[in-house]
Amino acid sequence: MSLTLKTHLWRNLLHHQFDVSKIRGQGYDGASNMRGEWNRLQALVLNDCPYAYYVHCFAHKLQLTLVAASREIIPVSQFFSHLASIINVVCASSKRHDDLQRAKAKEIENLLELGEIKSGKGLNQVGTLRRAGDTRWGSHFYSICSLINMYDAARVILKSIIIDAHATGPHRADADAAYTQMQLFEFVFILHLLKEVMGKTDVLSKALQKKSQDILNAMELVSATKESLNSFRNNGWDSFITEHQVEMPDMSAPYTSTRYQPRRKDGHVTFEHFYRVDLFTSTLDKQLHELNSRFNEHVIELFSLSASLVPKDHPNGINVEQIGLLVEKYYPEDFTEQERIDLRCQLDIFNIDMKENPRLSGATTVASLCKILVDTRKRQTYYLIDRVIRLILTLPVSTATIERGFSAMKIFKNRLRNKMSDEFLANNLVIYIERDIADTFDSSSVIDEFKELKGRRAEL
């Protein structure tokens, strides 16, 4: 499969007369046949182009980190199954959805009367339950938050289904199972734990999905997220366990479960050990392990060295040594030995020029610096710096925009239009994906151009 993909890729590049030896970056999704280190597509490309560095979409990496953590910790994995079941039962029909919102509205009304919540513009929204999806970034976090917000209202609906004489036996059984699950301390514990963990990673997830992503900001956000999770792991247990007002079991009592096999030397395992070590610490350890393994040092070093080119973040001048190391270590074939010497000289002069030119010193990203060099006609003067910048810009930090483009295919190529040609589908997708540009088109000019293509019997 990977060899077929590479053959097809090479055929298309050669058809358009691209020199494949000059490939300097790869960006695919996280499928094993794409990112595998040995005989997969990125590895096959690297065999022919050793400097075509593969960068897995950072936003997709983060999503895989969350999914991996949920699958590895058994209680957490089971929690997501129960969460989906609860939402499916409560929102199984429009009637139940309406009942849910009425129950939430009544709950808000009672809390306002008791003075436990404040009224105001934008406050106390009714909301609804949201389903999670593996292909939608952040959807698990929003699903968890929606259940916390609608927790009491959801229990009211489940209870009404259980006692409803008109409901079928299976429906009442599903509602009873969902209601019983929501009453368990373990379910509530994991619900709030995942809200905290995913809330800390949601900021990074949103930032990585932006159309234009700054390398330095991406690296800083990854490091900050790791630090936040590590701090919560080491110091957050006491505050977490006392923050949520729920009925807690005796933490010093023995914990018994069919899933837990106590060690032979232990007389028993306490509730505190299970919830603190096997759930709280293990979940956070898995998150940190996945973040460290997926955002590896090789890619981070490459991006960190690249970020040293941003003038605004280096008011005292660009670090010549770091750029020299970047070129020597990652792009040795793109610069001769003499050009590396000349590059250092250009960087020294550029640092002086940057202090006197506010446009150069105000560049906030590598991409904006490239544009400024072109606009100010300094690209020819600093042609080696321009070459370094263009090599860096080939490395994709995020492919979120492309992923959204693929998702748009579902809108156009649905069951009713499944026989449309690839050309027609591509044309529709271009208009949809680049709708910011398409909005600037004048419909009259499109009609006039269509009219001039050939003579027509009817007046357009």
Protein backbone atom coordinates (compact mmCIF):
# COMPACT_ATOMS: atom_id res chain seq x y z
CA MET A 1 0.00 0.00 0.00
CA SER A 2 2.75 2.47 0.99
CA LEU A 3 4.79 1.63 -2.10
CA THR A 4 1.72 2.20 -4.28
CA LEU A 5 1.17 5.59 -2.64
CA LYS A 6 4.78 6.58 -3.23
CA THR A 7 4.65 5.45 -6.87
CA HIS A 8 1.49 7.48 -7.47
CA LEU A 9 2.99 10.51 -5.68
CA TRP A 10 6.22 10.33 -7.69
CA ARG A 11 4.27 9.95 -10.94
CA ASN A 12 2.26 13.11 -10.26
CA LEU A 13 5.30 15.14 -9.21
CA LEU A 14 7.26 14.12 -12.31
CA HIS A 15 4.22 14.78 -14.50
CA HIS A 16 4.27 18.40 -13.33
CA GLN A 17 8.06 18.50 -13.79
CA PHE A 18 8.97 18.79 -10.11
CA ASP A 19 12.46 17.76 -9.04
CA VAL A 20 11.79 15.15 -6.34
CA SER A 21 15.34 15.46 -5.01
CA LYS A 22 14.42 18.94 -3.73
CA ILE A 23 11.60 17.77 -1.46
CA ARG A 24 12.23 19.26 1.99
CA GLY A 25 9.08 18.50 3.97
CA GLN A 26 6.31 15.91 4.36
CA GLY A 27 2.97 16.21 6.13
CA TYR A 28 0.40 13.40 6.39
CA ASP A 29 -2.12 12.10 8.90
CA GLY A 30 -1.19 9.60 11.60
CA ALA A 31 -2.17 6.40 9.80
CA SER A 32 0.44 3.67 10.16
CA ASN A 33 0.89 3.27 6.40
CA MET A 34 1.78 6.99 6.22
CA ARG A 35 3.94 7.72 9.29
CA GLY A 36 5.58 4.30 9.91
CA GLU A 37 9.34 4.56 10.49
CA TRP A 38 10.44 1.60 8.35
CA ASN A 39 8.55 0.78 5.16
CA ARG A 40 5.78 3.37 5.18
CA LEU A 41 5.32 6.38 2.93
CA GLN A 42 7.33 8.92 4.90
CA ALA A 43 10.17 6.40 5.30
CA LEU A 44 10.14 5.54 1.57
CA VAL A 45 10.29 9.22 0.68
CA LEU A 46 13.17 9.74 3.14
CA ASN A 47 15.12 6.95 1.44
CA ASP A 48 15.22 9.02 -1.76
CA CYS A 49 15.12 12.47 -0.12
CA PRO A 50 16.96 12.31 3.25
CA TYR A 51 16.12 15.95 4.09
CA ALA A 52 12.37 15.69 3.47
CA TYR A 53 11.54 15.82 7.18
CA TYR A 54 8.18 14.37 8.17
CA VAL A 55 6.05 16.47 10.51
CA HIS A 56 2.88 14.89 11.82
CA CYS A 57 0.08 17.46 12.16
CA PHE A 58 0.39 18.80 15.72
CA ALA A 59 -3.39 19.16 16.13
CA HIS A 60 -3.89 15.54 15.03
CA LYS A 61 -1.10 14.44 17.39
CA LEU A 62 -2.89 15.99 20.31
CA GLN A 63 -6.15 14.26 19.41
CA LEU A 64 -4.33 10.92 19.18
CA THR A 65 -2.79 11.61 22.60
CA LEU A 66 -6.22 12.01 24.17
CA VAL A 67 -7.64 8.94 22.43
CA ALA A 68 -4.61 6.81 23.38
CA ALA A 69 -4.93 7.83 27.02
CA SER A 70 -8.62 6.92 27.08
CA ARG A 71 -8.00 3.51 25.53
CA GLU A 72 -5.04 2.51 27.72
CA ILE A 73 -6.69 3.21 31.10
CA ILE A 74 -9.49 0.63 31.39
CA PRO A 75 -11.87 2.61 33.67
CA VAL A 76 -11.48 5.71 31.47
CA SER A 77 -12.13 3.69 28.32
CA GLN A 78 -15.26 2.24 29.92
CA PHE A 79 -16.32 5.73 31.01
CA PHE A 80 -16.49 6.91 27.40
CA SER A 81 -18.68 3.94 26.52
CA HIS A 82 -21.03 4.79 29.38
CA LEU A 83 -20.99 8.47 28.38
CA ALA A 84 -22.07 7.63 24.82
CA SER A 85 -24.80 5.32 26.13
CA ILE A 86 -26.20 7.99 28.48
CA ILE A 87 -26.33 10.60 25.72
CA ASN A 88 -27.93 8.15 23.30
CA VAL A 89 -30.67 7.25 25.78
CA VAL A 90 -31.42 10.82 26.91
CA CYS A 91 -31.37 12.29 23.38
CA ALA A 92 -32.92 9.33 21.58
CA SER A 93 -35.85 11.38 20.29
CA SER A 94 -36.95 14.97 19.83
CA LYS A 95 -39.46 14.53 22.66
CA ARG A 96 -36.77 13.47 25.11
CA HIS A 97 -34.54 16.32 23.96
CA ASP A 98 -37.35 18.80 24.61
CA ASP A 99 -38.02 17.21 28.01
CA LEU A 100 -34.32 17.54 28.83
CA GLN A 101 -34.31 21.25 28.07
CA ARG A 102 -37.51 21.82 30.05
CA ALA A 103 -35.98 19.99 33.03
CA LYS A 104 -32.85 22.16 32.80
CA ALA A 105 -34.94 25.34 32.54
CA LYS A 106 -36.89 24.33 35.64
CA GLU A 107 -33.63 23.59 37.48
CA ILE A 108 -32.27 27.05 36.61
CA GLU A 109 -35.53 28.66 37.75
CA ASN A 110 -35.34 26.91 41.14
CA LEU A 111 -31.69 27.85 41.64
CA LEU A 112 -32.47 31.50 40.85
CA GLU A 113 -35.27 31.50 43.43
CA LEU A 114 -32.92 30.07 46.06
CA GLY A 115 -30.25 32.64 45.14
CA GLU A 116 -27.61 29.98 44.42
CA ILE A 117 -26.88 31.37 40.94
CA LYS A 118 -26.94 34.89 39.53
CA SER A 119 -28.97 36.14 36.59
CA GLY A 120 -27.54 38.23 33.79
CA LYS A 121 -27.04 38.53 30.06
CA GLY A 122 -25.52 35.36 28.62
CA LEU A 123 -25.77 33.45 31.91
CA ASN A 124 -27.72 30.27 32.69
CA GLN A 125 -28.04 28.97 29.13
CA VAL A 126 -30.10 25.78 28.86
CA GLY A 127 -27.84 23.95 26.40
CA THR A 128 -28.00 20.27 25.49
CA LEU A 129 -25.93 17.07 25.53
CA ARG A 130 -23.23 16.80 22.86
CA ARG A 131 -21.95 13.58 21.35
CA ALA A 132 -18.22 12.90 21.08
CA GLY A 133 -16.52 11.90 17.82
CA ASP A 134 -12.97 10.61 17.29
CA THR A 135 -12.51 12.68 14.13
CA ARG A 136 -13.68 15.97 15.67
CA TRP A 137 -10.95 17.70 17.66
CA GLY A 138 -12.07 18.67 21.15
CA SER A 139 -15.46 16.94 20.88
CA HIS A 140 -14.75 14.67 23.88
CA PHE A 141 -14.09 17.71 26.06
CA TYR A 142 -17.29 19.46 24.99
CA SER A 143 -19.29 16.26 25.48
CA ILE A 144 -17.99 15.95 29.06
CA CYS A 145 -18.71 19.62 29.82
CA SER A 146 -22.25 19.29 28.45
CA LEU A 147 -23.00 16.32 30.73
CA ILE A 148 -21.68 18.18 33.78
CA ASN A 149 -23.90 21.13 32.89
CA MET A 150 -26.97 18.93 32.26
CA TYR A 151 -26.20 16.30 34.92
CA ASP A 152 -29.26 16.75 37.14
CA ALA A 153 -31.59 17.32 34.18
CA ALA A 154 -30.31 14.12 32.51
CA ARG A 155 -31.01 12.13 35.68
CA VAL A 156 -34.56 13.51 35.75
CA ILE A 157 -35.16 12.31 32.18
CA LEU A 158 -33.67 8.88 32.86
CA LYS A 159 -35.82 8.46 35.95
CA SER A 160 -38.94 9.44 34.02
CA ILE A 161 -38.16 6.81 31.36
CA ILE A 162 -37.69 4.12 34.02
CA ILE A 163 -41.13 4.72 35.56
CA ASP A 164 -42.88 5.37 32.23
CA ALA A 165 -45.46 2.61 31.79
CA HIS A 166 -45.69 3.28 28.05
CA ALA A 167 -41.97 2.79 27.43
CA THR A 168 -40.80 -0.60 26.17
CA GLY A 169 -38.83 -2.96 28.36
CA PRO A 170 -35.48 -2.50 26.53
CA HIS A 171 -35.78 1.31 26.68
CA ARG A 172 -36.50 1.22 30.41
CA ALA A 173 -33.61 -1.21 30.93
CA ASP A 174 -31.19 1.07 29.04
CA ALA A 175 -32.37 4.06 31.05
CA ASP A 176 -31.98 2.14 34.32
CA ALA A 177 -28.43 1.09 33.39
CA ALA A 178 -27.52 4.68 32.45
CA TYR A 179 -29.08 6.08 35.64
CA THR A 180 -27.26 3.52 37.81
CA GLN A 181 -23.97 4.39 36.14
CA MET A 182 -24.43 8.11 36.74
CA GLN A 183 -24.96 7.45 40.45
CA LEU A 184 -21.56 5.76 40.85
CA PHE A 185 -18.76 7.74 42.48
CA GLU A 186 -16.25 6.28 40.00
CA PHE A 187 -18.21 7.69 37.04
CA VAL A 188 -18.47 11.16 38.61
CA PHE A 189 -14.79 11.07 39.57
CA ILE A 190 -13.63 10.27 36.03
CA LEU A 191 -16.10 12.80 34.59
CA HIS A 192 -14.53 15.68 36.53
CA LEU A 193 -10.98 14.34 36.15
CA LEU A 194 -11.23 14.28 32.35
CA LYS A 195 -12.78 17.75 32.37
CA GLU A 196 -9.65 19.03 34.12
CA VAL A 197 -7.20 17.10 31.93
CA MET A 198 -8.88 17.86 28.59
CA GLY A 199 -9.49 21.46 29.61
CA LYS A 200 -5.73 21.92 29.93
CA THR A 201 -5.12 20.47 26.48
CA ASP A 202 -8.08 22.19 24.78
CA VAL A 203 -6.21 25.53 24.62
CA LEU A 204 -3.38 23.85 22.74
CA SER A 205 -5.81 21.96 20.52
CA LYS A 206 -7.58 25.17 19.43
CA ALA A 207 -4.31 26.98 18.82
CA LEU A 208 -2.97 24.18 16.62
CA GLN A 209 -6.07 24.25 14.42
CA LYS A 210 -5.52 27.84 13.26
CA LYS A 211 -4.96 28.36 9.54
CA SER A 212 -1.69 30.21 10.14
CA GLN A 213 0.40 28.68 12.90
CA ASP A 214 3.54 30.23 14.37
CA ILE A 215 6.26 27.66 15.05
CA LEU A 216 7.55 29.32 18.21
CA ASN A 217 4.08 29.69 19.72
CA ALA A 218 3.33 26.04 18.93
CA MET A 219 6.49 24.91 20.73
CA GLU A 220 5.81 27.15 23.73
CA LEU A 221 2.22 25.90 23.99
CA VAL A 222 3.33 22.26 23.89
CA SER A 223 5.86 22.89 26.68
CA ALA A 224 3.34 24.89 28.74
CA THR A 225 0.73 22.14 28.41
CA LYS A 226 3.22 19.50 29.57
CA GLU A 227 4.19 21.66 32.54
CA SER A 228 0.54 22.29 33.47
CA LEU A 229 -0.31 18.57 33.37
CA ASN A 230 2.80 17.67 35.37
CA SER A 231 2.00 20.29 38.02
CA PHE A 232 -1.57 19.00 38.28
CA ARG A 233 -0.25 15.44 38.64
CA ASN A 234 2.16 16.30 41.44
CA ASN A 235 0.18 18.92 43.36
CA GLY A 236 -3.45 18.75 42.25
CA TRP A 237 -4.87 15.73 44.07
CA ASP A 238 -5.88 17.44 47.33
CA SER A 239 -7.54 20.42 45.67
CA PHE A 240 -9.27 18.19 43.08
CA ILE A 241 -10.74 15.77 45.62
CA THR A 242 -12.10 18.57 47.86
CA GLU A 243 -13.33 20.89 45.08
CA HIS A 244 -16.28 18.81 43.89
CA GLN A 245 -19.15 18.48 46.33
CA VAL A 246 -20.08 14.82 45.88
CA GLU A 247 -20.66 12.05 48.38
CA MET A 248 -17.34 10.26 48.76
CA PRO A 249 -16.64 6.73 49.95
CA ASP A 250 -14.36 6.05 52.90
CA MET A 251 -10.95 6.47 51.26
CA SER A 252 -9.22 4.32 53.87
CA ALA A 253 -11.60 1.37 53.36
CA PRO A 254 -10.50 -1.68 51.31
CA TYR A 255 -11.29 -1.43 47.62
CA THR A 256 -12.58 -4.57 45.93
CA SER A 257 -13.20 -4.92 42.22
CA THR A 258 -13.15 -7.69 39.65
CA ARG A 259 -10.85 -5.60 37.45
CA TYR A 260 -8.21 -5.00 40.14
CA GLN A 261 -5.77 -7.79 41.07
CA PRO A 262 -4.06 -6.85 44.37
CA ARG A 263 -0.39 -7.60 44.83
CA ARG A 264 0.40 -10.61 47.01
CA LYS A 265 2.31 -8.59 49.61
CA ASP A 266 -0.58 -6.16 50.10
CA GLY A 267 -3.28 -7.04 52.59
CA HIS A 268 -5.72 -4.87 50.65
CA VAL A 269 -5.90 -1.89 48.32
CA THR A 270 -7.71 1.16 49.67
CA PHE A 271 -10.14 3.41 47.81
CA GLU A 272 -7.59 6.23 47.98
CA HIS A 273 -4.92 4.06 46.33
CA PHE A 274 -7.26 3.07 43.53
CA TYR A 275 -8.53 6.57 42.76
CA ARG A 276 -5.26 8.40 43.35
CA VAL A 277 -2.77 5.94 41.82
CA ASP A 278 -4.73 3.78 39.38
CA LEU A 279 -6.94 6.57 38.01
CA PHE A 280 -5.68 10.08 38.79
CA THR A 281 -1.93 9.52 38.47
CA SER A 282 -2.11 6.86 35.76
CA THR A 283 -4.31 9.00 33.49
CA LEU A 284 -2.00 12.00 33.80
CA ASP A 285 1.12 9.84 33.37
CA LYS A 286 -0.33 8.42 30.15
CA GLN A 287 -1.10 11.90 28.87
CA LEU A 288 2.42 13.13 29.59
CA HIS A 289 3.98 9.99 28.09
CA GLU A 290 2.00 10.40 24.87
CA LEU A 291 2.83 14.11 24.61
CA ASN A 292 6.54 13.40 25.11
CA SER A 293 6.59 10.54 22.59
CA ARG A 294 4.58 12.27 19.86
CA PHE A 295 6.20 15.69 20.20
CA ASN A 296 9.68 14.22 20.04
CA GLU A 297 12.94 16.09 20.60
CA HIS A 298 14.04 15.83 16.95
CA VAL A 299 11.06 17.79 15.61
CA ILE A 300 11.03 20.21 18.55
CA GLU A 301 14.73 21.01 18.03
CA LEU A 302 14.15 21.61 14.33
CA PHE A 303 11.25 23.96 15.01
CA SER A 304 12.98 25.70 17.93
CA LEU A 305 16.02 26.49 15.80
CA SER A 306 13.71 27.71 13.03
CA ALA A 307 11.87 30.00 15.45
CA SER A 308 15.09 31.89 16.18
CA LEU A 309 14.55 33.68 12.85
CA VAL A 310 11.58 35.69 14.18
CA PRO A 311 12.88 39.27 14.72
CA LYS A 312 10.17 40.38 17.17
CA ASP A 313 11.09 37.60 19.60
CA HIS A 314 14.80 38.48 19.38
CA PRO A 315 15.11 42.28 19.79
CA ASN A 316 18.88 41.99 20.28
CA GLY A 317 19.31 40.26 16.97
CA ILE A 318 18.93 36.83 15.41
CA ASN A 319 21.14 34.15 16.92
CA VAL A 320 23.68 33.51 14.18
CA GLU A 321 24.99 30.34 15.83
CA GLN A 322 21.54 28.73 16.00
CA ILE A 323 20.81 29.43 12.33
CA GLY A 324 24.25 28.08 11.45
CA LEU A 325 23.50 24.90 13.41
CA LEU A 326 20.12 24.60 11.69
CA VAL A 327 21.70 24.74 8.24
CA GLU A 328 24.61 22.43 9.05
CA LYS A 329 22.53 19.78 10.81
CA TYR A 330 19.27 19.72 8.84
CA TYR A 331 19.99 21.20 5.39
CA PRO A 332 23.64 20.38 4.53
CA GLU A 333 22.81 19.65 0.87
CA ASP A 334 21.16 23.04 0.29
CA PHE A 335 24.19 25.16 1.18
CA THR A 336 27.79 24.81 0.09
CA GLU A 337 30.57 25.40 2.57
CA GLN A 338 31.16 28.88 1.16
CA GLU A 339 27.45 29.69 1.32
CA ARG A 340 27.39 28.78 5.02
CA ILE A 341 30.17 31.31 5.61
CA ASP A 342 28.32 33.90 3.50
CA LEU A 343 25.09 33.16 5.43
CA ARG A 344 26.73 34.13 8.73
CA CYS A 345 27.92 37.38 7.16
CA GLN A 346 24.43 38.11 5.84
CA LEU A 347 22.94 37.45 9.27
CA ASP A 348 25.36 39.90 10.90
CA ILE A 349 24.42 42.63 8.42
CA PHE A 350 20.72 41.73 8.69
CA ASN A 351 20.83 42.20 12.48
CA ILE A 352 22.13 45.76 12.00
CA ASP A 353 19.58 46.46 9.25
CA MET A 354 16.79 45.07 11.41
CA LYS A 355 17.47 47.56 14.24
CA GLU A 356 17.16 50.48 11.82
CA ASN A 357 14.18 49.13 9.86
CA PRO A 358 10.94 48.88 11.91
CA ARG A 359 9.28 46.69 9.26
CA LEU A 360 11.94 44.01 9.62
CA SER A 361 12.04 44.19 13.42
CA GLY A 362 8.23 44.00 13.58
CA ALA A 363 7.93 40.63 11.83
CA THR A 364 6.02 38.32 14.20
CA THR A 365 6.35 35.04 12.30
CA VAL A 366 8.72 33.39 9.84
CA ALA A 367 6.04 33.70 7.13
CA SER A 368 5.60 37.45 7.73
CA LEU A 369 9.38 37.93 7.58
CA CYS A 370 9.45 36.19 4.19
CA LYS A 371 6.72 38.52 2.90
CA ILE A 372 8.50 41.62 4.23
CA LEU A 373 11.74 40.62 2.49
CA VAL A 374 9.83 40.41 -0.80
CA ASP A 375 7.89 43.67 -0.26
CA THR A 376 10.99 45.64 0.70
CA ARG A 377 13.01 44.11 -2.17
CA LYS A 378 15.62 42.86 0.28
CA ARG A 379 15.18 39.29 -0.84
CA GLN A 380 17.98 39.64 -3.39
CA THR A 381 20.31 41.19 -0.80
CA TYR A 382 19.69 38.51 1.81
CA TYR A 383 19.17 35.67 -0.64
CA LEU A 384 20.68 33.02 1.67
CA ILE A 385 18.46 34.09 4.60
CA ASP A 386 15.52 33.96 2.19
CA ARG A 387 16.50 30.42 1.24
CA VAL A 388 16.58 29.33 4.90
CA ILE A 389 13.15 30.88 5.48
CA ARG A 390 11.61 29.11 2.49
CA LEU A 391 13.04 25.76 3.61
CA ILE A 392 11.47 26.28 7.04
CA LEU A 393 8.12 27.23 5.55
CA THR A 394 7.90 23.84 3.82
CA LEU A 395 7.41 22.20 7.24
CA PRO A 396 3.71 22.06 8.15
CA VAL A 397 2.95 22.59 11.85
CA SER A 398 -0.71 21.74 11.34
CA THR A 399 -2.82 20.29 8.53
CA ALA A 400 -6.11 21.18 10.24
CA THR A 401 -7.23 23.26 7.24
CA ILE A 402 -6.67 20.29 4.91
CA GLU A 403 -8.51 17.97 7.30
CA ARG A 404 -11.48 20.34 7.25
CA GLY A 405 -11.32 20.30 3.47
CA PHE A 406 -11.67 16.51 3.44
CA SER A 407 -14.57 16.78 5.89
CA ALA A 408 -16.29 19.12 3.42
CA MET A 409 -16.47 16.24 0.91
CA LYS A 410 -19.31 14.76 2.95
CA ILE A 411 -21.40 17.85 2.24
CA PHE A 412 -21.05 17.53 -1.53
CA LYS A 413 -20.60 13.85 -2.23
CA ASN A 414 -23.52 12.41 -0.31
CA ARG A 415 -25.73 9.41 -1.08
CA LEU A 416 -27.87 11.34 -3.59
CA ARG A 417 -24.87 12.68 -5.49
CA ASN A 418 -22.53 9.74 -5.23
CA LYS A 419 -22.01 9.46 -9.01
CA MET A 420 -20.58 12.93 -9.58
CA SER A 421 -17.27 13.02 -11.44
CA ASP A 422 -14.01 13.81 -9.64
CA GLU A 423 -13.59 17.02 -11.64
CA PHE A 424 -17.03 18.30 -10.67
CA LEU A 425 -16.39 17.37 -7.01
CA ALA A 426 -13.00 19.12 -7.04
CA ASN A 427 -14.50 22.30 -8.53
CA ASN A 428 -17.22 22.41 -5.88
CA LEU A 429 -14.70 21.80 -3.10
CA VAL A 430 -12.43 24.61 -4.27
CA ILE A 431 -15.32 27.08 -4.09
CA TYR A 432 -16.36 25.79 -0.65
CA ILE A 433 -12.88 25.60 0.91
CA GLU A 434 -11.76 28.96 -0.51
CA ARG A 435 -15.07 30.66 0.19
CA ASP A 436 -13.31 33.79 1.50
CA ILE A 437 -12.05 34.33 -2.05
CA ALA A 438 -15.27 33.14 -3.65
CA ASP A 439 -17.26 35.75 -1.68
CA THR A 440 -15.40 38.48 -3.53
CA PHE A 441 -16.66 37.28 -6.93
CA ASP A 442 -19.35 39.33 -8.63
CA SER A 443 -22.18 37.10 -9.84
CA SER A 444 -22.80 39.40 -12.83
CA SER A 445 -19.24 38.96 -14.08
CA VAL A 446 -19.58 35.16 -13.79
CA ILE A 447 -22.81 35.26 -15.83
CA ASP A 448 -21.21 37.51 -18.47
CA GLU A 449 -18.20 35.20 -18.83
CA PHE A 450 -20.47 32.16 -19.08
CA LYS A 451 -22.53 33.97 -21.74
CA GLU A 452 -19.46 34.72 -23.85
CA LEU A 453 -18.37 31.08 -23.99
CA LYS A 454 -20.82 30.39 -26.82
CA GLY A 455 -23.99 31.69 -28.41
CA ARG A 456 -27.25 30.83 -26.67
CA ARG A 457 -30.89 30.85 -27.78
CA ALA A 458 -32.20 32.24 -24.50
CA GLU A 459 -31.06 35.53 -23.02
CA LEU A 460 -29.11 35.07 -19.82
